[in-house]
N, C-alpha and C. Protein backbone atom coordinates (compact mmCIF):
# COMPACT_ATOMS: atom_id res chain seq x y z
N MET A 1 317.53 270.16 23.86
CA MET A 1 318.67 270.03 22.81
C MET A 1 318.10 269.33 21.66
N PRO A 2 318.01 269.87 20.53
CA PRO A 2 317.59 269.12 19.19
C PRO A 2 318.42 267.84 19.10
N LEU A 3 317.57 266.76 18.56
CA LEU A 3 318.32 265.41 18.15
C LEU A 3 318.01 265.21 16.78
N GLN A 4 319.16 265.10 15.92
CA GLN A 4 318.98 265.00 14.49
C GLN A 4 319.63 263.54 14.14
N THR A 5 318.98 263.02 13.20
CA THR A 5 319.27 261.67 12.77
C THR A 5 318.77 261.46 11.22
N ARG A 6 319.40 260.66 10.55
CA ARG A 6 318.79 260.35 9.16
C ARG A 6 318.09 259.04 9.49
N VAL A 7 316.82 259.04 8.98
CA VAL A 7 316.11 257.75 8.96
C VAL A 7 315.37 257.63 7.58
N PRO A 8 315.09 256.44 7.09
CA PRO A 8 314.42 256.34 5.89
C PRO A 8 313.03 257.02 6.03
N GLU A 9 312.59 257.57 4.84
CA GLU A 9 311.41 258.39 4.78
C GLU A 9 310.13 257.55 5.33
N GLU A 10 310.18 256.29 4.99
CA GLU A 10 308.93 255.36 5.43
C GLU A 10 309.00 255.30 6.84
N LEU A 11 310.07 255.16 7.47
CA LEU A 11 310.15 255.04 8.99
C LEU A 11 309.78 256.30 9.55
N ARG A 12 310.29 257.40 9.13
CA ARG A 12 309.90 258.69 9.59
C ARG A 12 308.34 258.82 9.60
N LYS A 13 307.68 258.50 8.49
CA LYS A 13 306.31 258.61 8.36
C LYS A 13 305.60 257.66 9.44
N ARG A 14 306.21 256.57 9.59
CA ARG A 14 305.52 255.67 10.62
C ARG A 14 305.62 256.33 11.91
N PHE A 15 306.71 256.86 12.44
CA PHE A 15 306.89 257.47 13.63
C PHE A 15 305.83 258.68 13.81
N ASP A 16 305.68 259.43 12.68
CA ASP A 16 304.87 260.69 12.86
C ASP A 16 303.39 260.13 12.99
N LEU A 17 303.17 259.09 12.07
CA LEU A 17 301.66 258.58 12.12
C LEU A 17 301.44 258.12 13.57
N ALA A 18 302.29 257.21 14.05
CA ALA A 18 302.11 256.60 15.30
C ALA A 18 301.87 257.62 16.49
N ALA A 19 302.76 258.80 16.42
CA ALA A 19 302.58 259.88 17.36
C ALA A 19 301.21 260.51 17.17
N ALA A 20 300.76 260.75 15.85
CA ALA A 20 299.52 261.50 15.65
C ALA A 20 298.40 260.57 16.18
N ARG A 21 298.52 259.22 15.98
CA ARG A 21 297.34 258.40 16.40
C ARG A 21 297.04 258.52 17.85
N ARG A 22 298.09 258.77 18.65
CA ARG A 22 298.09 258.83 20.07
C ARG A 22 297.77 260.34 20.51
N GLY A 23 297.77 261.24 19.59
CA GLY A 23 297.65 262.64 19.89
C GLY A 23 298.67 263.42 20.65
N ILE A 24 299.92 262.77 20.44
CA ILE A 24 301.09 263.49 21.11
C ILE A 24 302.18 263.84 20.12
N SER A 25 303.13 264.40 20.74
CA SER A 25 304.14 265.02 19.75
C SER A 25 305.10 263.89 19.38
N LEU A 26 305.95 264.14 18.41
CA LEU A 26 306.89 263.06 18.00
C LEU A 26 307.91 262.94 19.13
N SER A 27 308.26 264.15 19.73
CA SER A 27 309.23 264.15 20.84
C SER A 27 308.74 263.34 22.05
N LEU A 28 307.45 263.40 22.36
CA LEU A 28 306.90 262.73 23.44
C LEU A 28 306.90 261.19 23.20
N TYR A 29 306.57 260.93 21.84
CA TYR A 29 306.44 259.54 21.45
C TYR A 29 307.88 258.93 21.66
N MET A 30 308.97 259.52 21.23
CA MET A 30 310.31 259.06 21.45
C MET A 30 310.69 258.81 22.91
N GLU A 31 310.18 259.78 23.76
CA GLU A 31 310.43 259.65 25.19
C GLU A 31 309.72 258.41 25.71
N LEU A 32 308.56 258.13 25.27
CA LEU A 32 307.78 256.90 25.76
C LEU A 32 308.48 255.64 25.23
N LEU A 33 308.98 255.71 23.95
CA LEU A 33 309.70 254.53 23.51
C LEU A 33 310.96 254.22 24.19
N ILE A 34 311.70 255.13 24.74
CA ILE A 34 313.03 254.79 25.52
C ILE A 34 312.68 254.22 26.76
N GLU A 35 311.42 254.55 27.25
CA GLU A 35 311.07 253.85 28.61
C GLU A 35 310.72 252.42 28.44
N LEU A 36 310.40 252.04 27.22
CA LEU A 36 310.16 250.67 26.91
C LEU A 36 311.38 249.75 26.66
N ASP A 37 312.45 250.26 26.57
CA ASP A 37 313.86 249.65 26.11
C ASP A 37 314.49 249.09 27.54
N PRO A 38 314.54 247.86 27.63
CA PRO A 38 315.16 247.31 28.89
C PRO A 38 316.64 247.52 29.02
N GLU A 39 317.27 247.76 27.89
CA GLU A 39 318.65 248.08 27.95
C GLU A 39 318.98 249.56 28.07
N ALA A 40 318.06 250.48 28.04
CA ALA A 40 318.34 251.83 28.10
C ALA A 40 318.64 252.28 29.57
N PRO A 41 319.58 253.21 29.74
CA PRO A 41 319.96 253.61 31.10
C PRO A 41 318.69 254.24 31.80
N THR A 42 318.59 254.14 32.94
CA THR A 42 317.54 254.82 33.83
C THR A 42 317.66 256.38 33.70
N HIS A 43 316.75 257.04 34.09
CA HIS A 43 316.77 258.47 34.13
C HIS A 43 317.98 259.05 35.05
N ALA A 44 318.06 258.37 36.29
CA ALA A 44 319.04 258.59 37.12
C ALA A 44 320.50 258.35 36.70
N GLU A 45 320.58 257.34 35.92
CA GLU A 45 322.01 257.04 35.29
C GLU A 45 322.36 258.09 34.31
N ALA A 46 321.42 258.39 33.41
CA ALA A 46 321.57 259.48 32.44
C ALA A 46 321.93 260.73 33.08
N VAL A 47 321.36 261.08 34.20
CA VAL A 47 321.61 262.44 34.86
C VAL A 47 323.07 262.27 35.53
N GLU A 48 323.34 261.12 36.04
CA GLU A 48 324.66 260.93 36.64
C GLU A 48 325.68 261.09 35.68
N ALA A 49 325.44 260.43 34.45
CA ALA A 49 326.49 260.41 33.28
C ALA A 49 326.70 261.87 32.82
N LEU A 50 325.67 262.57 32.66
CA LEU A 50 325.66 263.98 32.21
C LEU A 50 326.53 264.91 33.21
N ALA A 51 326.23 264.68 34.43
CA ALA A 51 326.93 265.45 35.64
C ALA A 51 328.38 265.11 35.55
N ALA A 52 328.73 263.89 35.31
CA ALA A 52 330.16 263.53 35.05
C ALA A 52 330.72 263.55 33.83
N ASP A 53 329.96 264.21 32.89
CA ASP A 53 330.31 264.42 31.47
C ASP A 53 330.85 263.06 30.84
N LYS A 54 330.02 262.06 31.06
CA LYS A 54 330.17 260.76 30.54
C LYS A 54 329.38 260.38 29.40
N GLY A 55 328.57 261.17 28.82
CA GLY A 55 327.36 260.98 27.99
C GLY A 55 327.86 259.95 26.91
N PRO A 56 328.79 259.86 26.03
CA PRO A 56 329.15 258.89 25.22
C PRO A 56 329.26 257.50 25.83
N ALA A 57 329.70 257.55 27.00
CA ALA A 57 330.03 256.15 27.55
C ALA A 57 328.61 255.42 27.83
N LEU A 58 327.39 256.10 27.72
CA LEU A 58 326.20 255.34 27.76
C LEU A 58 325.97 254.64 26.49
N LEU A 59 326.75 254.98 25.48
CA LEU A 59 326.48 254.28 24.20
C LEU A 59 327.30 252.99 24.06
N THR A 60 328.16 252.69 24.94
CA THR A 60 329.11 251.47 24.84
C THR A 60 328.32 250.33 25.33
N ALA A 61 328.53 249.24 24.58
CA ALA A 61 327.85 247.94 25.06
C ALA A 61 328.67 247.13 26.12
């Protein structure tokens, strides 16, 4: 599923360059970043939430 968001041009360029320096796609770079976030739900939690149709609940603090 495509993910769309608005970010400042400078930030988008930084993401593009960071991914390119590692020789990976921007998509994979974003996947790796979420793994570094200690507050991000685990893969299992995300799968469970999707199965229960609770996707937006993951965004609550």
